[in-house]
Amino acid sequence: MAAYGALAVGLINLRYQTGADQNLLKSLALIIPGTLLLSISFIEAGKKWLATKAAAQAVTAIWVLLLLYSFIV
């Protein structure tokens, strides 16, 4: 869910801030981590890692930081 959230927020940011300075780089800071996390969820080893409590905490922390970043930019 965090991967979809980061990816969606990045794509929405890209669309609604068209013409803004450095918009692509700001949006890619959200899109790339979301895409990577989504990709990890399709790999068997990634699925096992994501099932751990440590991974859940790490993903949640990263997602919160990305969400906060999306409101700042």
PDB file of N, CA and C in Angstrom:
ATOM      1  N   MET A   1       0.812  -1.172   0.000  1.00  0.00           N
ATOM      2  CA  MET A   1       0.000   0.000   0.000  1.00  0.00           C
ATOM      3  C   MET A   1       0.870   1.257   0.000  1.00  0.00           C
ATOM      4  N   ALA A   2       1.976   1.221   0.712  1.00  0.00           N
ATOM      5  CA  ALA A   2       2.887   2.371   0.746  1.00  0.00           C
ATOM      6  C   ALA A   2       3.484   2.631  -0.636  1.00  0.00           C
ATOM      7  N   ALA A   3       3.777   1.566  -1.366  1.00  0.00           N
ATOM      8  CA  ALA A   3       4.344   1.724  -2.710  1.00  0.00           C
ATOM      9  C   ALA A   3       3.354   2.411  -3.638  1.00  0.00           C
ATOM     10  N   TYR A   4       2.107   1.962  -3.602  1.00  0.00           N
ATOM     11  CA  TYR A   4       1.083   2.593  -4.425  1.00  0.00           C
ATOM     12  C   TYR A   4       0.889   4.048  -4.018  1.00  0.00           C
ATOM     13  N   GLY A   5       0.919   4.308  -2.723  1.00  0.00           N
ATOM     14  CA  GLY A   5       0.747   5.676  -2.230  1.00  0.00           C
ATOM     15  C   GLY A   5       1.844   6.603  -2.717  1.00  0.00           C
ATOM     16  N   ALA A   6       3.095   6.180  -2.589  1.00  0.00           N
ATOM     17  CA  ALA A   6       4.220   7.011  -3.024  1.00  0.00           C
ATOM     18  C   ALA A   6       4.199   7.218  -4.531  1.00  0.00           C
ATOM     19  N   LEU A   7       3.908   6.167  -5.259  1.00  0.00           N
ATOM     20  CA  LEU A   7       3.847   6.256  -6.712  1.00  0.00           C
ATOM     21  C   LEU A   7       2.717   7.191  -7.151  1.00  0.00           C
ATOM     22  N   ALA A   8       1.556   7.049  -6.558  1.00  0.00           N
ATOM     23  CA  ALA A   8       0.409   7.891  -6.918  1.00  0.00           C
ATOM     24  C   ALA A   8       0.660   9.350  -6.576  1.00  0.00           C
ATOM     25  N   VAL A   9       1.190   9.605  -5.400  1.00  0.00           N
ATOM     26  CA  VAL A   9       1.461  10.994  -4.996  1.00  0.00           C
ATOM     27  C   VAL A   9       2.500  11.616  -5.923  1.00  0.00           C
ATOM     28  N   GLY A  10       3.498  10.856  -6.313  1.00  0.00           N
ATOM     29  CA  GLY A  10       4.516  11.366  -7.232  1.00  0.00           C
ATOM     30  C   GLY A  10       3.938  11.702  -8.594  1.00  0.00           C
ATOM     31  N   LEU A  11       3.066  10.841  -9.104  1.00  0.00           N
ATOM     32  CA  LEU A  11       2.447  11.097 -10.405  1.00  0.00           C
ATOM     33  C   LEU A  11       1.466  12.267 -10.335  1.00  0.00           C
ATOM     34  N   ILE A  12       0.735  12.363  -9.243  1.00  0.00           N
ATOM     35  CA  ILE A  12      -0.174  13.497  -9.064  1.00  0.00           C
ATOM     36  C   ILE A  12       0.621  14.789  -8.963  1.00  0.00           C
ATOM     37  N   ASN A  13       1.706  14.764  -8.211  1.00  0.00           N
ATOM     38  CA  ASN A  13       2.561  15.938  -8.076  1.00  0.00           C
ATOM     39  C   ASN A  13       3.118  16.356  -9.435  1.00  0.00           C
ATOM     40  N   LEU A  14       3.520  15.392 -10.230  1.00  0.00           N
ATOM     41  CA  LEU A  14       4.067  15.672 -11.554  1.00  0.00           C
ATOM     42  C   LEU A  14       3.031  16.379 -12.428  1.00  0.00           C
ATOM     43  N   ARG A  15       1.809  15.941 -12.360  1.00  0.00           N
ATOM     44  CA  ARG A  15       0.750  16.515 -13.197  1.00  0.00           C
ATOM     45  C   ARG A  15       0.327  17.904 -12.729  1.00  0.00           C
ATOM     46  N   TYR A  16       0.103  18.063 -11.441  1.00  0.00           N
ATOM     47  CA  TYR A  16      -0.472  19.308 -10.951  1.00  0.00           C
ATOM     48  C   TYR A  16       0.546  20.429 -10.770  1.00  0.00           C
ATOM     49  N   GLN A  17       1.816  20.120 -10.815  1.00  0.00           N
ATOM     50  CA  GLN A  17       2.816  21.171 -10.710  1.00  0.00           C
ATOM     51  C   GLN A  17       3.553  21.347 -12.036  1.00  0.00           C
ATOM     52  N   THR A  18       2.869  21.068 -13.125  1.00  0.00           N
ATOM     53  CA  THR A  18       3.448  21.241 -14.457  1.00  0.00           C
ATOM     54  C   THR A  18       3.935  22.671 -14.626  1.00  0.00           C
ATOM     55  N   GLY A  19       5.161  22.818 -15.077  1.00  0.00           N
ATOM     56  CA  GLY A  19       5.736  24.135 -15.283  1.00  0.00           C
ATOM     57  C   GLY A  19       6.498  24.670 -14.083  1.00  0.00           C
ATOM     58  N   ALA A  20       6.363  24.035 -12.943  1.00  0.00           N
ATOM     59  CA  ALA A  20       7.091  24.476 -11.748  1.00  0.00           C
ATOM     60  C   ALA A  20       8.570  24.136 -11.900  1.00  0.00           C
ATOM     61  N   ASP A  21       9.404  24.896 -11.235  1.00  0.00           N
ATOM     62  CA  ASP A  21      10.848  24.708 -11.301  1.00  0.00           C
ATOM     63  C   ASP A  21      11.257  23.365 -10.683  1.00  0.00           C
ATOM     64  N   GLN A  22      12.045  22.575 -11.405  1.00  0.00           N
ATOM     65  CA  GLN A  22      12.565  21.280 -10.935  1.00  0.00           C
ATOM     66  C   GLN A  22      11.449  20.279 -10.611  1.00  0.00           C
ATOM     67  N   ASN A  23      10.303  20.391 -11.264  1.00  0.00           N
ATOM     68  CA  ASN A  23       9.174  19.520 -10.963  1.00  0.00           C
ATOM     69  C   ASN A  23       9.478  18.046 -11.202  1.00  0.00           C
ATOM     70  N   LEU A  24      10.157  17.731 -12.291  1.00  0.00           N
ATOM     71  CA  LEU A  24      10.436  16.333 -12.596  1.00  0.00           C
ATOM     72  C   LEU A  24      11.301  15.692 -11.513  1.00  0.00           C
ATOM     73  N   LEU A  25      12.338  16.384 -11.081  1.00  0.00           N
ATOM     74  CA  LEU A  25      13.207  15.825 -10.045  1.00  0.00           C
ATOM     75  C   LEU A  25      12.465  15.657  -8.722  1.00  0.00           C
ATOM     76  N   LYS A  26      11.631  16.618  -8.379  1.00  0.00           N
ATOM     77  CA  LYS A  26      10.857  16.522  -7.132  1.00  0.00           C
ATOM     78  C   LYS A  26       9.880  15.353  -7.193  1.00  0.00           C
ATOM     79  N   SER A  27       9.258  15.169  -8.337  1.00  0.00           N
ATOM     80  CA  SER A  27       8.304  14.072  -8.481  1.00  0.00           C
ATOM     81  C   SER A  27       9.010  12.721  -8.521  1.00  0.00           C
ATOM     82  N   LEU A  28      10.175  12.668  -9.173  1.00  0.00           N
ATOM     83  CA  LEU A  28      10.924  11.405  -9.230  1.00  0.00           C
ATOM     84  C   LEU A  28      11.388  10.957  -7.846  1.00  0.00           C
ATOM     85  N   ALA A  29      11.580  11.912  -6.936  1.00  0.00           N
ATOM     86  CA  ALA A  29      11.945  11.556  -5.565  1.00  0.00           C
ATOM     87  C   ALA A  29      10.832  10.769  -4.880  1.00  0.00           C
ATOM     88  N   LEU A  30       9.634  10.860  -5.398  1.00  0.00           N
ATOM     89  CA  LEU A  30       8.504  10.081  -4.889  1.00  0.00           C
ATOM     90  C   LEU A  30       8.222   8.850  -5.752  1.00  0.00           C
ATOM     91  N   ILE A  31       8.364   9.011  -7.052  1.00  0.00           N
ATOM     92  CA  ILE A  31       8.023   7.930  -7.983  1.00  0.00           C
ATOM     93  C   ILE A  31       9.022   6.776  -7.898  1.00  0.00           C
ATOM     94  N   ILE A  32      10.305   7.086  -7.840  1.00  0.00           N
ATOM     95  CA  ILE A  32      11.333   6.028  -7.838  1.00  0.00           C
ATOM     96  C   ILE A  32      11.234   5.118  -6.614  1.00  0.00           C
ATOM     97  N   PRO A  33      11.161   5.655  -5.377  1.00  0.00           N
ATOM     98  CA  PRO A  33      11.021   4.737  -4.235  1.00  0.00           C
ATOM     99  C   PRO A  33       9.733   3.919  -4.292  1.00  0.00           C
ATOM    100  N   GLY A  34       8.648   4.526  -4.764  1.00  0.00           N
ATOM    101  CA  GLY A  34       7.395   3.787  -4.891  1.00  0.00           C
ATOM    102  C   GLY A  34       7.504   2.652  -5.882  1.00  0.00           C
ATOM    103  N   THR A  35       8.148   2.920  -7.007  1.00  0.00           N
ATOM    104  CA  THR A  35       8.338   1.889  -8.036  1.00  0.00           C
ATOM    105  C   THR A  35       9.253   0.776  -7.539  1.00  0.00           C
ATOM    106  N   LEU A  36      10.325   1.145  -6.842  1.00  0.00           N
ATOM    107  CA  LEU A  36      11.235   0.134  -6.304  1.00  0.00           C
ATOM    108  C   LEU A  36      10.546  -0.758  -5.284  1.00  0.00           C
ATOM    109  N   LEU A  37       9.790  -0.151  -4.391  1.00  0.00           N
ATOM    110  CA  LEU A  37       9.087  -0.936  -3.384  1.00  0.00           C
ATOM    111  C   LEU A  37       8.042  -1.840  -4.019  1.00  0.00           C
ATOM    112  N   LEU A  38       7.347  -1.329  -5.006  1.00  0.00           N
ATOM    113  CA  LEU A  38       6.365  -2.151  -5.712  1.00  0.00           C
ATOM    114  C   LEU A  38       7.058  -3.320  -6.414  1.00  0.00           C
ATOM    115  N   SER A  39       8.213  -3.061  -7.009  1.00  0.00           N
ATOM    116  CA  SER A  39       8.975  -4.119  -7.674  1.00  0.00           C
ATOM    117  C   SER A  39       9.429  -5.184  -6.690  1.00  0.00           C
ATOM    118  N   ILE A  40       9.869  -4.763  -5.521  1.00  0.00           N
ATOM    119  CA  ILE A  40      10.318  -5.713  -4.491  1.00  0.00           C
ATOM    120  C   ILE A  40       9.178  -6.650  -4.093  1.00  0.00           C
ATOM    121  N   SER A  41       7.955  -6.138  -4.093  1.00  0.00           N
ATOM    122  CA  SER A  41       6.825  -6.965  -3.667  1.00  0.00           C
ATOM    123  C   SER A  41       6.492  -8.082  -4.651  1.00  0.00           C
ATOM    124  N   PHE A  42       7.048  -8.041  -5.854  1.00  0.00           N
ATOM    125  CA  PHE A  42       6.811  -9.097  -6.834  1.00  0.00           C
ATOM    126  C   PHE A  42       7.901 -10.172  -6.819  1.00  0.00           C
ATOM    127  N   ILE A  43       9.001  -9.920  -6.135  1.00  0.00           N
ATOM    128  CA  ILE A  43      10.109 -10.873  -6.052  1.00  0.00           C
ATOM    129  C   ILE A  43       9.906 -11.739  -4.810  1.00  0.00           C
ATOM    130  N   GLU A  44      10.173 -13.026  -4.936  1.00  0.00           N
ATOM    131  CA  GLU A  44       9.940 -13.954  -3.819  1.00  0.00           C
ATOM    132  C   GLU A  44      10.713 -13.557  -2.561  1.00  0.00           C
ATOM    133  N   ALA A  45      11.990 -13.233  -2.731  1.00  0.00           N
ATOM    134  CA  ALA A  45      12.792 -12.820  -1.568  1.00  0.00           C
ATOM    135  C   ALA A  45      12.262 -11.515  -0.982  1.00  0.00           C
ATOM    136  N   GLY A  46      11.784 -10.636  -1.844  1.00  0.00           N
ATOM    137  CA  GLY A  46      11.212  -9.380  -1.381  1.00  0.00           C
ATOM    138  C   GLY A  46       9.934  -9.589  -0.591  1.00  0.00           C
ATOM    139  N   LYS A  47       9.122 -10.537  -1.026  1.00  0.00           N
ATOM    140  CA  LYS A  47       7.889 -10.861  -0.297  1.00  0.00           C
ATOM    141  C   LYS A  47       8.197 -11.360   1.106  1.00  0.00           C
ATOM    142  N   LYS A  48       9.215 -12.210   1.202  1.00  0.00           N
ATOM    143  CA  LYS A  48       9.598 -12.734   2.517  1.00  0.00           C
ATOM    144  C   LYS A  48      10.112 -11.612   3.405  1.00  0.00           C
ATOM    145  N   TRP A  49      10.922 -10.719   2.839  1.00  0.00           N
ATOM    146  CA  TRP A  49      11.465  -9.610   3.615  1.00  0.00           C
ATOM    147  C   TRP A  49      10.347  -8.663   4.053  1.00  0.00           C
ATOM    148  N   LEU A  50       9.412  -8.373   3.157  1.00  0.00           N
ATOM    149  CA  LEU A  50       8.322  -7.460   3.490  1.00  0.00           C
ATOM    150  C   LEU A  50       7.394  -8.028   4.562  1.00  0.00           C
ATOM    151  N   ALA A  51       7.405  -9.334   4.751  1.00  0.00           N
ATOM    152  CA  ALA A  51       6.571  -9.960   5.770  1.00  0.00           C
ATOM    153  C   ALA A  51       7.149  -9.812   7.174  1.00  0.00           C
ATOM    154  N   THR A  52       8.390  -9.351   7.291  1.00  0.00           N
ATOM    155  CA  THR A  52       9.002  -9.202   8.614  1.00  0.00           C
ATOM    156  C   THR A  52       8.562  -7.900   9.271  1.00  0.00           C
ATOM    157  N   LYS A  53       8.656  -7.882  10.583  1.00  0.00           N
ATOM    158  CA  LYS A  53       8.262  -6.701  11.341  1.00  0.00           C
ATOM    159  C   LYS A  53       9.224  -5.534  11.078  1.00  0.00           C
ATOM    160  N   ALA A  54      10.492  -5.840  10.940  1.00  0.00           N
ATOM    161  CA  ALA A  54      11.485  -4.793  10.673  1.00  0.00           C
ATOM    162  C   ALA A  54      11.222  -4.112   9.333  1.00  0.00           C
ATOM    163  N   ALA A  55      10.854  -4.896   8.333  1.00  0.00           N
ATOM    164  CA  ALA A  55      10.550  -4.331   7.019  1.00  0.00           C
ATOM    165  C   ALA A  55       9.303  -3.462   7.084  1.00  0.00           C
ATOM    166  N   ALA A  56       8.305  -3.909   7.819  1.00  0.00           N
ATOM    167  CA  ALA A  56       7.080  -3.126   7.960  1.00  0.00           C
ATOM    168  C   ALA A  56       7.370  -1.780   8.615  1.00  0.00           C
ATOM    169  N   GLN A  57       8.220  -1.785   9.613  1.00  0.00           N
ATOM    170  CA  GLN A  57       8.580  -0.532  10.278  1.00  0.00           C
ATOM    171  C   GLN A  57       9.389   0.364   9.354  1.00  0.00           C
ATOM    172  N   ALA A  58      10.322  -0.212   8.613  1.00  0.00           N
ATOM    173  CA  ALA A  58      11.143   0.573   7.687  1.00  0.00           C
ATOM    174  C   ALA A  58      10.298   1.169   6.571  1.00  0.00           C
ATOM    175  N   VAL A  59       9.425   0.361   5.995  1.00  0.00           N
ATOM    176  CA  VAL A  59       8.572   0.837   4.909  1.00  0.00           C
ATOM    177  C   VAL A  59       7.628   1.934   5.419  1.00  0.00           C
ATOM    178  N   THR A  60       7.082   1.755   6.596  1.00  0.00           N
ATOM    179  CA  THR A  60       6.194   2.766   7.167  1.00  0.00           C
ATOM    180  C   THR A  60       6.940   4.077   7.396  1.00  0.00           C
ATOM    181  N   ALA A  61       8.148   3.998   7.928  1.00  0.00           N
ATOM    182  CA  ALA A  61       8.935   5.204   8.173  1.00  0.00           C
ATOM    183  C   ALA A  61       9.280   5.916   6.867  1.00  0.00           C
ATOM    184  N   ILE A  62       9.681   5.153   5.874  1.00  0.00           N
ATOM    185  CA  ILE A  62      10.016   5.740   4.566  1.00  0.00           C
ATOM    186  C   ILE A  62       8.773   6.352   3.942  1.00  0.00           C
ATOM    187  N   TRP A  63       7.644   5.678   4.033  1.00  0.00           N
ATOM    188  CA  TRP A  63       6.409   6.183   3.458  1.00  0.00           C
ATOM    189  C   TRP A  63       5.980   7.491   4.122  1.00  0.00           C
ATOM    190  N   VAL A  64       6.099   7.556   5.437  1.00  0.00           N
ATOM    191  CA  VAL A  64       5.749   8.785   6.148  1.00  0.00           C
ATOM    192  C   VAL A  64       6.659   9.930   5.706  1.00  0.00           C
ATOM    193  N   LEU A  65       7.949   9.657   5.579  1.00  0.00           N
ATOM    194  CA  LEU A  65       8.882  10.694   5.123  1.00  0.00           C
ATOM    195  C   LEU A  65       8.558  11.148   3.703  1.00  0.00           C
ATOM    196  N   LEU A  66       8.238  10.212   2.822  1.00  0.00           N
ATOM    197  CA  LEU A  66       7.878  10.568   1.456  1.00  0.00           C
ATOM    198  C   LEU A  66       6.581  11.361   1.420  1.00  0.00           C
ATOM    199  N   LEU A  67       5.640  10.997   2.247  1.00  0.00           N
ATOM    200  CA  LEU A  67       4.371  11.719   2.294  1.00  0.00           C
ATOM    201  C   LEU A  67       4.593  13.151   2.796  1.00  0.00           C
ATOM    202  N   LEU A  68       5.391  13.297   3.825  1.00  0.00           N
ATOM    203  CA  LEU A  68       5.714  14.636   4.326  1.00  0.00           C
ATOM    204  C   LEU A  68       6.431  15.453   3.245  1.00  0.00           C
ATOM    205  N   TYR A  69       7.354  14.819   2.548  1.00  0.00           N
ATOM    206  CA  TYR A  69       8.068  15.490   1.463  1.00  0.00           C
ATOM    207  C   TYR A  69       7.092  15.959   0.384  1.00  0.00           C
ATOM    208  N   SER A  70       6.091  15.136   0.095  1.00  0.00           N
ATOM    209  CA  SER A  70       5.133  15.509  -0.950  1.00  0.00           C
ATOM    210  C   SER A  70       4.338  16.752  -0.574  1.00  0.00           C
ATOM    211  N   PHE A  71       4.105  16.966   0.706  1.00  0.00           N
ATOM    212  CA  PHE A  71       3.390  18.169   1.134  1.00  0.00           C
ATOM    213  C   PHE A  71       4.296  19.389   1.138  1.00  0.00           C
ATOM    214  N   ILE A  72       5.590  19.172   1.339  1.00  0.00           N
ATOM    215  CA  ILE A  72       6.540  20.285   1.361  1.00  0.00           C
ATOM    216  C   ILE A  72       6.790  20.818  -0.032  1.00  0.00           C
ATOM    217  N   VAL A  73       6.930  19.913  -1.016  1.00  0.00           N
ATOM    218  CA  VAL A  73       7.210  20.372  -2.377  1.00  0.00           C
ATOM    219  C   VAL A  73       5.926  20.753  -3.021  1.00  0.00           C
TER     220      VAL A  73
END
